[in-house]
Protein backbone atom coordinates (compact mmCIF):
# COMPACT_ATOMS: atom_id res chain seq x y z
CA UNK A 1 37.57 -53.17 17.41
CA UNK A 2 36.05 -51.59 20.53
CA UNK A 3 36.25 -52.73 24.16
CA UNK A 4 32.68 -54.26 24.22
CA UNK A 5 33.36 -56.14 20.90
CA UNK A 6 36.59 -57.58 22.36
CA UNK A 7 34.40 -59.08 25.25
CA UNK A 8 32.14 -60.50 22.55
CA UNK A 9 35.17 -62.11 20.84
CA UNK A 10 36.27 -63.49 24.21
CA UNK A 11 32.90 -65.09 24.75
CA UNK A 12 32.70 -66.51 21.23
CA UNK A 13 36.20 -68.09 21.61
CA UNK A 14 35.24 -69.76 25.01
CA UNK A 15 31.89 -70.92 23.52
CA UNK A 16 33.64 -72.68 20.62
CA UNK A 17 36.66 -73.95 22.83
CA UNK A 18 34.38 -75.97 25.13
CA UNK A 19 33.54 -78.59 22.47
CA UNK A 20 36.87 -78.51 21.24
CA UNK A 21 38.47 -79.31 24.59
CA UNK A 22 35.94 -82.14 25.03
CA UNK A 23 36.91 -83.75 21.79
CA UNK A 24 40.64 -83.24 22.12
CA UNK A 25 41.04 -84.59 25.75
CA UNK A 26 38.49 -87.46 25.82
CA UNK A 27 39.90 -88.95 22.67
CA UNK A 28 43.16 -89.72 24.68
CA UNK A 29 41.96 -90.79 27.92
CA UNK A 30 39.78 -93.87 26.91
CA UNK A 31 42.64 -96.26 27.69
CA UNK A 32 42.23 -95.53 31.34
CA UNK A 33 38.54 -95.49 31.11
CA UNK A 34 38.76 -98.90 29.25
CA UNK A 35 40.62 -100.34 32.22
CA UNK A 36 38.22 -99.17 34.83
CA UNK A 37 35.08 -100.23 33.05
CA UNK A 38 36.55 -103.09 31.09
CA UNK A 39 35.58 -101.84 27.67
CA UNK A 40 35.86 -103.67 24.39
CA UNK A 41 37.09 -101.89 21.23
CA UNK A 42 33.64 -101.60 19.95
CA UNK A 43 32.42 -99.99 23.09
CA UNK A 44 35.30 -97.40 23.12
CA UNK A 45 34.46 -96.72 19.38
CA UNK A 46 30.64 -96.19 20.35
CA UNK A 47 31.75 -93.98 23.23
CA UNK A 48 33.82 -91.63 21.00
CA UNK A 49 31.28 -91.45 18.22
CA UNK A 50 27.99 -91.05 20.24
CA UNK A 51 28.55 -87.46 21.36
CA UNK A 52 29.33 -86.35 17.92
CA UNK A 53 26.39 -88.22 16.23
CA UNK A 54 23.93 -87.53 19.03
CA UNK A 55 24.68 -83.75 19.21
CA UNK A 56 23.22 -83.32 15.89
CA UNK A 57 19.71 -84.02 17.50
CA UNK A 58 20.06 -80.31 18.91
CA UNK A 59 21.33 -78.56 15.84
CA UNK A 60 18.18 -77.27 14.44
CA UNK A 61 16.62 -76.47 18.01
CA UNK A 62 19.68 -74.42 18.85
CA UNK A 63 19.56 -72.40 15.55
CA UNK A 64 15.94 -71.81 15.33
CA UNK A 65 15.40 -70.96 18.93
CA UNK A 66 18.28 -68.61 18.97
CA UNK A 67 16.67 -66.53 16.30
CA UNK A 68 13.42 -66.43 18.13
CA UNK A 69 14.17 -66.47 21.84
CA UNK A 70 17.62 -64.77 21.80
CA UNK A 71 21.16 -65.97 21.30
CA UNK A 72 22.27 -65.29 24.83
CA UNK A 73 19.43 -67.36 26.50
CA UNK A 74 19.97 -70.29 24.06
CA UNK A 75 23.67 -70.45 24.21
CA UNK A 76 23.55 -70.01 28.00
CA UNK A 77 21.31 -72.98 28.14
CA UNK A 78 23.80 -74.89 26.04
CA UNK A 79 26.56 -74.04 28.39
CA UNK A 80 24.69 -75.36 31.42
CA UNK A 81 23.95 -78.56 29.56
CA UNK A 82 27.66 -78.90 28.76
CA UNK A 83 28.57 -78.23 32.56
CA UNK A 84 25.95 -80.86 33.63
CA UNK A 85 27.28 -83.44 31.20
CA UNK A 86 30.80 -82.95 32.44
CA UNK A 87 29.67 -83.21 36.02
CA UNK A 88 27.77 -86.62 35.19
CA UNK A 89 30.78 -88.03 33.34
CA UNK A 90 33.17 -87.13 36.25
CA UNK A 91 31.13 -88.90 38.71
CA UNK A 92 29.95 -91.82 36.43
CA UNK A 93 30.00 -95.15 38.37
CA UNK A 94 29.27 -97.13 35.22
CA UNK A 95 29.65 -96.96 31.32
CA UNK A 96 25.98 -96.01 30.77
CA UNK A 97 26.06 -93.16 33.05
CA UNK A 98 29.37 -91.83 31.46
CA UNK A 99 27.75 -92.12 27.98
CA UNK A 100 24.72 -90.13 29.23
CA UNK A 101 27.25 -87.37 30.46
CA UNK A 102 29.17 -87.40 27.26
CA UNK A 103 25.94 -87.04 25.26
CA UNK A 104 24.86 -83.97 27.28
CA UNK A 105 28.36 -82.68 26.69
CA UNK A 106 27.87 -83.07 22.93
CA UNK A 107 24.42 -81.42 22.95
CA UNK A 108 25.77 -78.46 24.90
CA UNK A 109 28.80 -78.15 22.80
CA UNK A 110 26.79 -77.98 19.65
CA UNK A 111 24.52 -75.36 21.07
CA UNK A 112 27.42 -73.17 22.19
CA UNK A 113 29.12 -73.49 18.84
CA UNK A 114 25.97 -72.50 16.89
CA UNK A 115 25.54 -69.59 19.20
CA UNK A 116 29.09 -68.43 18.68
CA UNK A 117 28.75 -68.63 14.80
CA UNK A 118 25.46 -66.98 14.85
CA UNK A 119 26.76 -64.11 17.22
CA UNK A 120 29.78 -63.64 14.82
CA UNK A 121 27.34 -63.02 12.02
CA UNK A 122 24.75 -60.94 13.74
CA UNK A 123 26.83 -59.09 16.35
CA UNK A 124 29.40 -57.41 14.14
CA UNK A 125 28.12 -55.10 11.54
CA UNK A 126 31.37 -54.01 10.44
CA UNK A 127 32.50 -56.23 7.57
CA UNK A 128 36.23 -56.03 8.55
CA UNK A 129 35.59 -56.75 12.12
CA UNK A 130 33.38 -59.74 11.39
CA UNK A 131 36.10 -61.15 8.98
CA UNK A 132 38.63 -61.01 11.86
CA UNK A 133 36.33 -62.74 14.08
CA UNK A 134 35.68 -65.55 11.65
CA UNK A 135 39.27 -66.13 11.55
CA UNK A 136 39.58 -66.10 15.36
CA UNK A 137 36.71 -68.44 15.80
CA UNK A 138 38.26 -70.93 13.31
CA UNK A 139 41.60 -70.64 14.96
CA UNK A 140 40.31 -71.83 18.30
CA UNK A 141 40.03 -75.39 17.60
CA UNK A 142 43.58 -75.90 16.43
CA UNK A 143 44.89 -73.65 19.16
CA UNK A 144 43.15 -76.23 21.66
CA UNK A 145 44.68 -79.14 19.96
CA UNK A 146 48.17 -77.78 20.48
CA UNK A 147 48.14 -78.90 24.09
CA UNK A 148 44.83 -80.44 25.17
CA UNK A 149 45.53 -84.05 23.90
CA UNK A 150 48.74 -84.21 25.94
CA UNK A 151 47.16 -82.45 28.99
CA UNK A 152 44.33 -84.88 28.98
CA UNK A 153 46.46 -87.98 28.67
CA UNK A 154 48.79 -86.76 31.34
CA UNK A 155 45.78 -86.16 33.79
CA UNK A 156 44.41 -89.61 32.97
CA UNK A 157 47.69 -91.56 33.16
CA UNK A 158 49.29 -89.76 36.17
CA UNK A 159 46.24 -88.97 38.19
CA UNK A 160 42.79 -89.89 37.34
CA UNK A 161 40.79 -89.77 34.08
CA UNK A 162 38.02 -88.18 36.09
CA UNK A 163 39.93 -84.97 36.27
CA UNK A 164 39.37 -84.61 32.53
CA UNK A 165 35.68 -84.11 32.70
CA UNK A 166 36.14 -82.09 35.96
CA UNK A 167 38.47 -79.78 34.03
CA UNK A 168 35.71 -79.61 31.31
CA UNK A 169 33.28 -78.54 33.96
CA UNK A 170 35.44 -75.67 34.86
CA UNK A 171 35.91 -74.72 31.09
CA UNK A 172 32.07 -75.03 30.59
CA UNK A 173 31.52 -72.87 33.41
CA UNK A 174 33.78 -70.10 32.11
CA UNK A 175 32.25 -70.25 28.65
CA UNK A 176 28.68 -70.24 30.12
CA UNK A 177 29.38 -67.07 32.31
CA UNK A 178 31.17 -65.37 29.31
CA UNK A 179 28.13 -66.17 27.02
CA UNK A 180 25.74 -64.75 29.74
CA UNK A 181 27.59 -61.63 30.37
CA UNK A 182 28.92 -60.74 26.92
CA UNK A 183 26.84 -62.14 24.17
CA UNK A 184 24.58 -59.27 22.79
CA UNK A 185 20.96 -59.55 23.84
CA UNK A 186 18.58 -60.30 21.05
CA UNK A 187 14.82 -59.86 21.69
CA UNK A 188 12.65 -62.69 20.55
CA UNK A 189 10.24 -61.84 17.82
CA UNK A 190 6.93 -60.53 19.32
CA UNK A 191 3.70 -62.43 18.58
CA UNK A 192 5.49 -65.65 17.61
CA UNK A 193 5.50 -68.87 19.36
CA UNK A 194 8.53 -71.21 19.33
CA UNK A 195 7.29 -74.76 19.05
CA UNK A 196 9.86 -77.57 19.32
CA UNK A 197 8.37 -80.31 17.11
CA UNK A 198 9.62 -79.30 13.79
CA UNK A 199 13.30 -78.60 14.69
CA UNK A 200 13.35 -81.75 16.90
CA UNK A 201 12.03 -83.85 14.17
CA UNK A 202 14.65 -82.37 11.78
CA UNK A 203 17.33 -83.19 14.20
CA UNK A 204 16.18 -86.73 14.53
CA UNK A 205 16.18 -87.22 10.72
CA UNK A 206 19.75 -85.87 10.63
CA UNK A 207 20.92 -87.99 13.48
CA UNK A 208 19.29 -91.14 12.25
CA UNK A 209 20.77 -90.83 8.81
CA UNK A 210 24.33 -90.02 9.95
CA UNK A 211 24.15 -92.84 12.53
CA UNK A 212 22.99 -95.29 9.85
CA UNK A 213 26.02 -94.25 7.63
CA UNK A 214 28.26 -94.75 10.54
CA UNK A 215 26.99 -98.21 11.60
CA UNK A 216 26.45 -99.58 8.07
CA UNK A 217 30.02 -101.12 7.65
CA UNK A 218 29.63 -103.08 11.00
CA UNK A 219 25.87 -103.63 11.56
CA UNK A 220 23.85 -103.56 8.48
CA UNK A 221 20.73 -104.49 10.33
CA UNK A 222 21.04 -101.54 12.72
CA UNK A 223 21.69 -99.18 9.88
CA UNK A 224 18.49 -100.32 8.08
CA UNK A 225 16.63 -99.69 11.36
CA UNK A 226 17.97 -96.29 11.65
CA UNK A 227 17.19 -95.61 7.89
CA UNK A 228 13.49 -96.53 8.71
CA UNK A 229 13.50 -94.21 11.60
CA UNK A 230 14.74 -91.38 9.32
CA UNK A 231 11.97 -92.03 6.90
CA UNK A 232 9.27 -92.04 9.55
CA UNK A 233 10.71 -88.83 11.12
CA UNK A 234 11.03 -87.16 7.68
CA UNK A 235 7.32 -88.06 6.84
CA UNK A 236 6.34 -86.74 10.24
CA UNK A 237 8.36 -83.45 9.69
CA UNK A 238 6.77 -82.95 6.22
CA UNK A 239 3.29 -83.15 7.80
CA UNK A 240 4.18 -80.87 10.72
CA UNK A 241 5.53 -78.27 8.41
CA UNK A 242 2.50 -78.17 6.28
CA UNK A 243 0.10 -77.83 9.20
CA UNK A 244 1.98 -74.83 10.65
CA UNK A 245 1.75 -71.33 9.22
CA UNK A 246 5.08 -70.13 10.93
CA UNK A 247 7.08 -73.30 12.10
CA UNK A 248 10.06 -72.78 14.18
CA UNK A 249 12.37 -74.69 11.83
CA UNK A 250 13.60 -72.18 9.41
CA UNK A 251 14.90 -73.50 6.09
CA UNK A 252 14.41 -70.28 4.27
CA UNK A 253 18.27 -69.77 3.80
CA UNK A 254 18.25 -72.51 1.42
CA UNK A 255 16.40 -70.27 -0.98
CA UNK A 256 19.12 -67.65 -0.96
CA UNK A 257 20.97 -67.57 -4.18
CA UNK A 258 24.33 -69.32 -3.73
CA UNK A 259 23.53 -70.70 -0.35
CA UNK A 260 23.15 -74.44 -1.33
CA UNK A 261 26.51 -74.65 -3.06
CA UNK A 262 28.06 -72.67 -0.31
CA UNK A 263 26.88 -75.00 2.48
CA UNK A 264 27.81 -78.00 0.23
CA UNK A 265 31.29 -76.59 -0.09
CA UNK A 266 31.49 -76.13 3.65
CA UNK A 267 30.79 -79.86 4.35
CA UNK A 268 33.48 -81.40 2.15
CA UNK A 269 36.94 -80.45 3.87
CA UNK A 270 35.86 -81.99 7.20
CA UNK A 271 35.26 -85.39 5.51
CA UNK A 272 38.70 -85.79 4.43
CA UNK A 273 40.27 -86.09 7.94
CA UNK A 274 43.95 -85.84 6.68
CA UNK A 275 45.09 -85.11 10.18
CA UNK A 276 43.52 -88.48 11.29
CA UNK A 277 45.58 -90.27 8.61
CA UNK A 278 48.63 -88.44 9.34
CA UNK A 279 48.25 -89.42 12.96
CA UNK A 280 47.86 -93.14 11.93
CA UNK A 281 50.97 -92.92 9.78
CA UNK A 282 53.08 -91.45 12.65
CA UNK A 283 51.61 -94.15 15.18
CA UNK A 284 51.90 -97.23 13.03
CA UNK A 285 54.62 -96.39 10.52
CA UNK A 286 57.01 -94.62 12.86
CA UNK A 287 56.12 -96.62 15.97
CA UNK A 288 55.07 -93.83 17.95
CA UNK A 289 52.36 -94.02 20.71
CA UNK A 290 48.88 -92.47 20.49
CA UNK A 291 49.73 -89.56 22.79
CA UNK A 292 53.24 -89.06 21.44
CA UNK A 293 51.75 -88.93 17.84
CA UNK A 294 49.53 -86.13 19.16
CA UNK A 295 52.29 -84.26 20.70
CA UNK A 296 54.27 -84.75 17.38
CA UNK A 297 51.22 -83.00 15.51
CA UNK A 298 51.34 -79.97 17.91
CA UNK A 299 53.29 -77.90 15.58
CA UNK A 300 50.62 -78.42 12.78
CA UNK A 301 47.94 -77.29 15.24
CA UNK A 302 50.05 -74.23 15.92
CA UNK A 303 50.30 -73.56 12.24
CA UNK A 304 46.64 -74.00 11.83
CA UNK A 305 45.90 -71.49 14.64
CA UNK A 306 48.22 -68.99 13.06
CA UNK A 307 46.48 -69.63 9.64
CA UNK A 308 42.97 -68.79 11.20
CA UNK A 309 44.33 -65.41 12.44
CA UNK A 310 45.91 -64.74 9.04
CA UNK A 311 42.62 -65.69 7.24
CA UNK A 312 40.58 -63.00 9.11
CA UNK A 313 43.23 -60.34 8.03
CA UNK A 314 43.06 -61.59 4.46
CA UNK A 315 39.34 -61.76 4.33
CA UNK A 316 39.00 -58.37 5.81
CA UNK A 317 41.07 -56.89 2.87
CA UNK A 318 40.37 -59.19 -0.06
CA UNK A 319 37.13 -60.97 0.77
CA UNK A 320 36.06 -64.50 1.65
CA UNK A 321 36.24 -65.89 -2.02
CA UNK A 322 39.95 -65.15 -2.58
CA UNK A 323 40.88 -66.30 0.95
CA UNK A 324 39.15 -69.49 0.41
CA UNK A 325 40.67 -70.10 -2.93
CA UNK A 326 44.17 -69.56 -1.50
CA UNK A 327 43.56 -71.82 1.46
CA UNK A 328 42.05 -74.68 -0.59
CA UNK A 329 44.95 -74.42 -3.14
CA UNK A 330 47.51 -74.74 -0.16
CA UNK A 331 45.59 -77.65 1.33
CA UNK A 332 45.29 -79.48 -2.02
CA UNK A 333 48.99 -79.07 -2.56
CA UNK A 334 49.57 -80.65 0.85
CA UNK A 335 47.62 -83.54 -0.22
CA UNK A 336 49.53 -83.98 -3.41
CA UNK A 337 52.78 -83.63 -1.41
CA UNK A 338 52.07 -87.23 0.13
CA UNK A 339 54.07 -88.66 -2.74
CA UNK A 340 57.30 -87.34 -1.10
CA UNK A 341 56.84 -89.93 1.74
CA UNK A 342 58.68 -92.96 1.04
CA UNK A 343 60.01 -95.93 2.95
CA UNK A 344 63.10 -94.28 4.01
CA UNK A 345 61.45 -90.95 4.96
CA UNK A 346 61.95 -89.45 8.36
CA UNK A 347 59.07 -88.32 10.44
CA UNK A 348 59.81 -84.75 9.42
CA UNK A 349 58.45 -85.25 5.92
CA UNK A 350 54.86 -86.18 6.94
CA UNK A 351 55.12 -83.35 9.68
CA UNK A 352 56.18 -80.73 7.19
CA UNK A 353 53.41 -81.89 4.81
CA UNK A 354 50.65 -81.81 7.52
CA UNK A 355 51.88 -78.21 8.57
CA UNK A 356 51.26 -77.15 4.95
CA UNK A 357 47.95 -78.82 4.86
CA UNK A 358 46.80 -77.35 8.27
CA UNK A 359 47.73 -73.72 7.16
CA UNK A 360 45.64 -74.13 3.95
CA UNK A 361 42.89 -76.09 5.72
CA UNK A 362 42.24 -73.66 8.52
CA UNK A 363 42.45 -70.60 6.18
CA UNK A 364 39.88 -72.22 3.91
CA UNK A 365 37.45 -73.23 6.69
CA UNK A 366 37.35 -69.59 7.97
CA UNK A 367 36.56 -68.38 4.46
CA UNK A 368 33.99 -71.18 3.88
CA UNK A 369 32.24 -70.29 7.07
CA UNK A 370 32.09 -66.73 6.06
CA UNK A 371 30.95 -67.47 2.76
CA UNK A 372 27.94 -69.28 4.13
CA UNK A 373 27.08 -67.02 6.95
CA UNK A 374 27.45 -63.72 5.08
CA UNK A 375 24.77 -64.71 2.74
CA UNK A 376 22.19 -64.88 5.59
CA UNK A 377 20.52 -61.73 7.12
CA UNK A 378 21.42 -60.99 10.67
CA UNK A 379 18.04 -61.96 12.06
CA UNK A 380 18.45 -65.52 10.60
CA UNK A 381 21.93 -66.01 11.63
CA UNK A 382 20.88 -68.93 13.83
CA UNK A 383 19.10 -70.72 11.13
CA UNK A 384 22.25 -70.25 8.90
CA UNK A 385 24.58 -71.58 11.62
CA UNK A 386 22.40 -74.56 12.34
CA UNK A 387 22.43 -75.48 8.63
CA UNK A 388 26.27 -75.07 8.41
CA UNK A 389 26.70 -77.10 11.60
CA UNK A 390 24.42 -79.92 9.96
CA UNK A 391 26.31 -79.89 6.67
CA UNK A 392 29.64 -80.16 8.60
CA UNK A 393 28.21 -82.84 10.74
CA UNK A 394 27.10 -84.95 7.76
CA UNK A 395 30.51 -84.36 6.21
CA UNK A 396 32.28 -85.53 9.32
CA UNK A 397 30.27 -88.74 9.48
CA UNK A 398 28.95 -89.73 6.18
CA UNK A 399 31.72 -88.17 4.12
CA UNK A 400 34.34 -89.62 6.58
CA UNK A 401 32.80 -93.09 6.21
CA UNK A 402 33.26 -92.92 2.39
CA UNK A 403 36.79 -91.66 2.80
CA UNK A 404 37.73 -94.24 5.31
CA UNK A 405 36.33 -97.02 2.96
CA UNK A 406 38.51 -95.97 0.27
CA UNK A 407 41.69 -95.50 2.20
CA UNK A 408 41.31 -98.52 4.35
CA UNK A 409 40.31 -100.57 1.32
CA UNK A 410 43.70 -99.79 -0.20
CA UNK A 411 45.39 -100.49 3.21
CA UNK A 412 43.46 -103.77 3.79
CA UNK A 413 44.42 -104.95 0.29
CA UNK A 414 47.98 -104.23 0.57
CA UNK A 415 48.32 -105.35 4.19
CA UNK A 416 46.55 -108.61 3.31
CA UNK A 417 48.85 -109.08 0.45
CA UNK A 418 51.97 -108.35 2.56
CA UNK A 419 51.05 -110.14 5.80
CA UNK A 420 49.78 -113.13 3.79
CA UNK A 421 53.39 -113.87 2.39
CA UNK A 422 54.39 -114.70 6.02
CA UNK A 423 52.31 -116.98 8.30
CA UNK A 424 49.13 -114.91 8.77
CA UNK A 425 45.82 -115.98 7.04
CA UNK A 426 44.11 -113.62 4.61
CA UNK A 427 41.28 -113.35 6.99
CA UNK A 428 43.43 -112.43 9.91
CA UNK A 429 45.19 -109.91 7.76
CA UNK A 430 41.93 -108.28 6.85
CA UNK A 431 40.96 -108.31 10.48
CA UNK A 432 44.13 -106.37 11.50
CA UNK A 433 43.17 -103.68 8.94
CA UNK A 434 39.64 -103.47 10.20
CA UNK A 435 40.90 -103.12 13.77
CA UNK A 436 43.08 -100.32 12.67
CA UNK A 437 40.18 -98.64 11.01
CA UNK A 438 38.19 -99.04 14.26
CA UNK A 439 40.95 -97.33 16.18
CA UNK A 440 42.91 -100.20 17.99
CA UNK A 441 46.30 -99.04 18.77
CA UNK A 442 49.44 -100.70 17.27
CA UNK A 443 50.55 -102.09 20.62
CA UNK A 444 47.30 -103.93 21.17
CA UNK A 445 47.27 -105.20 17.60
CA UNK A 446 50.79 -106.58 17.92
CA UNK A 447 50.01 -108.40 21.18
CA UNK A 448 46.90 -109.94 19.79
CA UNK A 449 48.59 -111.19 16.74
CA UNK A 450 51.68 -112.43 18.85
CA UNK A 451 49.34 -114.74 20.77
CA UNK A 452 48.07 -116.54 17.55
CA UNK A 453 51.25 -116.13 15.64
CA UNK A 454 54.46 -116.23 18.06
CA UNK A 455 57.29 -114.37 16.65
CA UNK A 456 55.25 -112.30 14.22
CA UNK A 457 55.30 -109.08 16.48
CA UNK A 458 58.92 -108.25 15.76
CA UNK A 459 58.33 -108.78 11.89
CA UNK A 460 55.22 -106.57 11.92
CA UNK A 461 56.40 -103.60 13.94
CA UNK A 462 59.99 -103.39 13.02
CA UNK A 463 59.79 -101.87 9.57
CA UNK A 464 58.97 -104.99 7.70
CA UNK A 465 59.20 -103.62 4.03
CA UNK A 466 55.92 -105.04 2.81
CA UNK A 467 54.09 -103.66 5.67
CA UNK A 468 55.66 -100.28 5.20
CA UNK A 469 54.52 -100.22 1.59
CA UNK A 470 51.00 -100.86 2.63
CA UNK A 471 50.96 -97.95 5.03
CA UNK A 472 52.55 -95.55 2.52
CA UNK A 473 50.10 -96.55 -0.28
CA UNK A 474 47.17 -95.99 2.05
CA UNK A 475 48.52 -92.61 3.10
CA UNK A 476 49.01 -91.65 -0.58
CA UNK A 477 45.29 -92.74 -1.19
CA UNK A 478 44.39 -90.19 1.53
CA UNK A 479 46.41 -87.51 0.02
CA UNK A 480 44.85 -88.01 -3.45
CA UNK A 481 41.39 -87.93 -1.84
CA UNK A 482 42.53 -84.66 -0.05
CA UNK A 483 43.55 -83.05 -3.30
CA UNK A 484 40.27 -84.12 -5.15
CA UNK A 485 38.16 -83.06 -2.28
CA UNK A 486 39.73 -79.39 -1.89
CA UNK A 487 39.76 -79.12 -5.67
CA UNK A 488 35.94 -79.85 -5.70
CA UNK A 489 35.38 -77.46 -2.85
CA UNK A 490 37.15 -74.60 -4.78
CA UNK A 491 34.90 -75.16 -7.66
CA UNK A 492 31.86 -75.10 -5.45
CA UNK A 493 33.21 -71.88 -3.68
CA UNK A 494 33.64 -70.18 -7.07
CA UNK A 495 30.25 -71.36 -8.28
CA UNK A 496 28.42 -70.09 -5.14
CA UNK A 497 30.09 -66.63 -5.59
CA UNK A 498 28.82 -66.37 -9.20
CA UNK A 499 25.24 -67.53 -8.03
CA UNK A 500 25.15 -64.86 -5.34
CA UNK A 501 27.86 -62.68 -3.89
CA UNK A 502 26.42 -62.81 -0.32
CA UNK A 503 26.26 -59.76 1.83
CA UNK A 504 29.82 -58.69 1.47
CA UNK A 505 29.77 -55.07 0.33
CA UNK A 506 26.16 -54.57 1.48
CA UNK A 507 24.76 -53.28 4.80
CA UNK A 508 24.52 -55.95 7.46
């Protein structure tokens, strides 16, 4: 890989790292933000979810415009949006301003990531070099999670939470500068106008649908309203697409043989959230704090980063299909290994399991990304990247809601049964499970229960056997779902390969 290509790789890494840093650091500073703004648990959850869901608005805009106006321009605009959002968040005097800043961060991060994926597809004509960059791109997120959660928590607890968005501003500025200097220039298509209506409407449909899925379990009325918005926006989109001979929204990759099953396969692994369930097990079952649990999982993030680099090498020599099959098999085996976790297991057991899972998962994601993008011509890389981002966004929201429903259904049933054998009513037991699902920490839960049921705190959080059984059964349910999800993904990967081999072995 030549010197110029290495500079492009640096820009790709920084562009994808900006959003990863925001996700990793902000998730662990909300206790301090909550104290300053006196937030409820629901407000904290909304603050965490809104940037992820809201960023889907810009998905199709970023991809379509990058194909027409140039990847450098659009990604640079995304970097500027990320920096502005970080600045607003750092100076926020109230919660609404903080949320506006976080939303701008999410919009900018999504645009940067789509640009990074599109440049990886279009900027590297050599197949082996491109495969290596897919691996490096995928390794970026776990590499950030090795240290970013602990760093964010340290800054927030020891100094000020406002230093976190300030640091994100610096990271965003570096990413924007790298994108502007090193992303290869691509000329916009002469004679074509880039209208914004069709990609904006498509983004609104996607956002409304995912927001409806996320809010359905808590606010059914809001979910129905959002579904109505999605239907209206979808109807308007259909009319707009018919009236335009060359709409900016480019859905042509969906007609490429093998692309639909490939994009579906890419959306499934992110829905499982096995890392999340392992983090919950470490926090609640082993009585670790939220930040300590993140630090304990750092080795798994390191393994994931190394797996991404390894995936690039394997893809360069053996192709994406075999690499994906290997990674999916390893991740599925990690899911089944949850049955090794028992009531007397030390924390090393789930840590080793999640390390195995992380290796397979990161390897699989690199291959699944290549399996999607290598089917798309270089001049439509932005459209392909936006469809991939939309699919993974649906997986991370709609799919995750389904997985959470199953796993916490098991946990709620077992927890209700075990706690109800003491002094807690069944209704309160179910509320405990709901609070865990919504992200309330073990210490806050224990304090709340202790107020209503004096003396119960010790029983709940000192290895009460029935409670341990509920936690382990829920974790096993997550493991089984992980196995099933990755097995299904492997089938889709092989099916997409049979439907169309993509551009591997062809000229880019």
